Structures are given as structure tokens and as C-alpha cells.
């Protein structure tokens, strides 16, 4: 079962400044990386990157879906609903969601309200489930 997750909304651009992205979307970023600056690996950034990020959140008693971080991200992005399409053509916006499972089955549920909020933003979501191999001892005895 999915135990936790983290989520990021990012906009990459080659010409549009992060300030312009903030103005269009009406949301303050949690991080901005400017084109031309060096990454930790020493490479030079080829695009501006504007992000709203929610750190890893574990399941709660009220929500066992593992979508807490995604849900929180979508709440932060409510002011941007219906505005992403107003970004200039050099902008690429998407959601990145990572979920962490405590088993080798990474099933999760995207409730209708989450799906609607993503659709209202008008962006694609790229999701990855990280599966724990657990302590499966079957292969030790075969």
C-alpha cells in the first residue's frame, strides 16, 4: 500500500521569466532556478524552472490513499486553475508525483476530487510508485 508521497508542480521556460509565470498563475513558487546557472552536478541550466513543491507526507488516519502531498499541492495551486493555458508557448507545465509503497504492489487511488483538480489546472501528471521489495524469503528456499 502507498504509505507516503511528495509532489511538485513545475513550469519550465526558455524565454518567459519566473516573475511572469508568477504573475500569470497568481501563485508564489517555493523555488526558482534560472537558466544559465549551474546545477549541483556542474551543468549549466538550459531553461528557467519555476516550482511549487510539497515535501514527503505520510498517510494520516483520515487518508490512507498516499496522496496527501498531491492533495496539498493542488490546494496551493487552486488560484492557478484555468490559468495554465495562459502561459506563453515556451512554457511547459506539469505535475510530478512520487509515491512510496511498503510492498511490491504499489496500488493507489486517485479520488475524483483530485482528478478534477488536476483537470482544472489543465496539466499532465507524471507519477512514479516506488516499491519496497520487503522481506520476501520465497526465493531463498527455491
Protein backbone atom coordinates (compact mmCIF):
# COMPACT_ATOMS: atom_id res chain seq x y z
CA UNK A 1 0.00 0.00 0.00
CA UNK A 2 1.18 3.52 -0.69
CA UNK A 3 2.48 4.96 2.59
CA UNK A 4 3.61 8.46 1.61
CA UNK A 5 4.28 10.75 -1.30
CA UNK A 6 5.71 14.06 -2.47
CA UNK A 7 4.54 16.34 -5.26
CA UNK A 8 5.85 19.18 -7.41
CA UNK A 9 4.25 21.46 -9.97
CA UNK A 10 6.89 22.81 -12.33
CA UNK A 11 6.95 25.23 -15.22
CA UNK A 12 9.99 25.24 -17.47
CA UNK A 13 10.57 28.09 -19.89
CA UNK A 14 13.23 29.30 -22.28
CA UNK A 15 12.08 32.92 -22.62
CA UNK A 16 9.42 33.61 -20.02
CA UNK A 17 10.82 34.85 -16.71
CA UNK A 18 9.81 33.26 -13.40
CA UNK A 19 8.27 36.60 -12.39
CA UNK A 20 5.99 36.48 -15.44
CA UNK A 21 4.96 32.91 -14.57
CA UNK A 22 4.08 34.04 -11.03
CA UNK A 23 2.01 36.91 -12.44
CA UNK A 24 0.07 34.67 -14.84
CA UNK A 25 -0.61 31.87 -12.34
CA UNK A 26 -1.19 34.02 -9.26
CA UNK A 27 0.86 31.61 -7.11
CA UNK A 28 4.23 32.17 -5.45
CA UNK A 29 6.82 29.49 -6.22
CA UNK A 30 8.66 27.61 -3.49
CA UNK A 31 11.77 27.52 -5.69
CA UNK A 32 13.11 29.11 -8.86
CA UNK A 33 16.18 28.00 -10.82
CA UNK A 34 17.35 30.42 -13.50
CA UNK A 35 18.58 29.49 -16.95
CA UNK A 36 22.35 29.84 -17.19
CA UNK A 37 23.06 28.95 -13.55
CA UNK A 38 24.98 25.83 -12.62
CA UNK A 39 23.33 22.73 -11.21
CA UNK A 40 24.82 20.73 -8.34
CA UNK A 41 26.45 18.47 -10.92
CA UNK A 42 28.12 21.48 -12.57
CA UNK A 43 25.96 21.52 -15.69
CA UNK A 44 24.52 24.80 -16.92
CA UNK A 45 20.73 25.06 -16.83
CA UNK A 46 19.16 25.31 -20.27
CA UNK A 47 15.75 26.50 -19.01
CA UNK A 48 14.20 28.56 -16.25
CA UNK A 49 12.42 26.35 -13.75
CA UNK A 50 9.59 27.64 -11.55
CA UNK A 51 8.26 25.21 -8.91
CA UNK A 52 5.79 24.69 -6.13
CA UNK A 53 6.91 21.70 -4.07
CA UNK A 54 5.36 19.74 -1.20
CA UNK A 55 7.78 17.57 0.76
CA UNK A 56 7.03 13.96 1.56
CA UNK A 57 3.86 13.44 3.61
CA UNK A 58 2.90 10.14 5.22
CA UNK A 59 -0.60 8.71 5.29
CA UNK A 60 -2.89 10.01 8.00
CA UNK A 61 -5.64 8.21 9.90
CA UNK A 62 -8.18 10.08 7.77
CA UNK A 63 -6.47 9.46 4.41
CA UNK A 64 -4.84 6.13 3.61
CA UNK A 65 -4.54 6.81 -0.15
CA UNK A 66 -0.95 8.08 -0.03
CA UNK A 67 -2.00 11.19 -1.92
CA UNK A 68 -1.62 13.71 0.91
CA UNK A 69 1.25 15.63 -0.70
CA UNK A 70 -0.52 15.67 -4.07
CA UNK A 71 -3.71 16.90 -2.41
CA UNK A 72 -1.79 19.64 -0.56
CA UNK A 73 -0.07 20.70 -3.79
CA UNK A 74 -3.44 21.01 -5.53
CA UNK A 75 -4.75 23.19 -2.69
CA UNK A 76 -1.74 25.51 -3.08
CA UNK A 77 -2.38 25.66 -6.84
CA UNK A 78 -6.11 26.49 -6.68
CA UNK A 79 -5.50 30.12 -7.70
CA UNK A 80 -3.84 28.83 -10.90
CA UNK A 81 -6.84 26.74 -12.01
CA UNK A 82 -7.78 27.73 -15.54
CA UNK A 83 -4.69 29.91 -15.97
CA UNK A 84 -2.00 27.45 -17.07
CA UNK A 85 -3.18 27.71 -20.69
CA UNK A 86 -2.45 31.47 -20.48
CA UNK A 87 1.28 30.83 -20.11
CA UNK A 88 3.35 31.68 -23.21
CA UNK A 89 4.14 28.88 -25.65
CA UNK A 90 7.72 28.47 -24.43
CA UNK A 91 6.39 27.23 -21.07
CA UNK A 92 5.91 23.56 -20.21
CA UNK A 93 3.88 22.89 -17.05
CA UNK A 94 3.34 19.53 -15.33
CA UNK A 95 2.85 17.81 -12.01
CA UNK A 96 5.40 15.30 -10.71
CA UNK A 97 4.11 12.94 -8.02
CA UNK A 98 6.15 10.25 -6.30
CA UNK A 99 4.54 7.69 -4.02
CA UNK A 100 6.26 5.20 -1.74
CA UNK A 101 4.83 1.74 -1.08
CA UNK A 102 5.56 -0.63 1.79
CA UNK A 103 5.15 -3.64 -0.50
CA UNK A 104 5.89 -4.87 -4.00
CA UNK A 105 2.40 -3.82 -5.04
CA UNK A 106 2.13 -0.08 -5.42
CA UNK A 107 -1.58 0.34 -5.92
CA UNK A 108 -3.08 3.73 -5.22
CA UNK A 109 -6.36 5.56 -5.59
CA UNK A 110 -6.80 8.93 -7.24
CA UNK A 111 -10.09 10.11 -5.87
CA UNK A 112 -12.44 12.02 -8.16
CA UNK A 113 -11.78 15.37 -6.47
CA UNK A 114 -8.04 15.00 -7.05
CA UNK A 115 -8.58 14.06 -10.69
CA UNK A 116 -10.89 17.06 -11.12
CA UNK A 117 -8.36 19.46 -9.57
CA UNK A 118 -5.66 18.19 -11.95
CA UNK A 119 -8.06 18.59 -14.89
CA UNK A 120 -8.99 22.10 -13.71
CA UNK A 121 -5.31 23.05 -13.84
CA UNK A 122 -5.09 21.63 -17.35
CA UNK A 123 -1.76 19.85 -16.89
CA UNK A 124 -0.43 16.34 -17.21
CA UNK A 125 0.74 14.46 -14.14
CA UNK A 126 3.80 12.23 -14.22
CA UNK A 127 3.61 9.69 -11.40
CA UNK A 128 6.07 7.13 -10.08
CA UNK A 129 5.39 4.49 -7.43
CA UNK A 130 8.50 3.29 -5.62
CA UNK A 131 8.00 -0.27 -4.41
CA UNK A 132 9.67 -1.88 -1.41
CA UNK A 133 10.98 -5.38 -2.09
CA UNK A 134 10.19 -6.27 1.50
CA UNK A 135 11.46 -9.39 3.21
CA UNK A 136 10.26 -11.95 0.72
CA UNK A 137 12.14 -15.16 1.62
CA UNK A 138 10.50 -17.36 -1.03
CA UNK A 139 13.48 -17.04 -3.39
CA UNK A 140 15.87 -18.20 -0.63
CA UNK A 141 14.25 -21.65 -0.49
CA UNK A 142 13.84 -22.40 -4.21
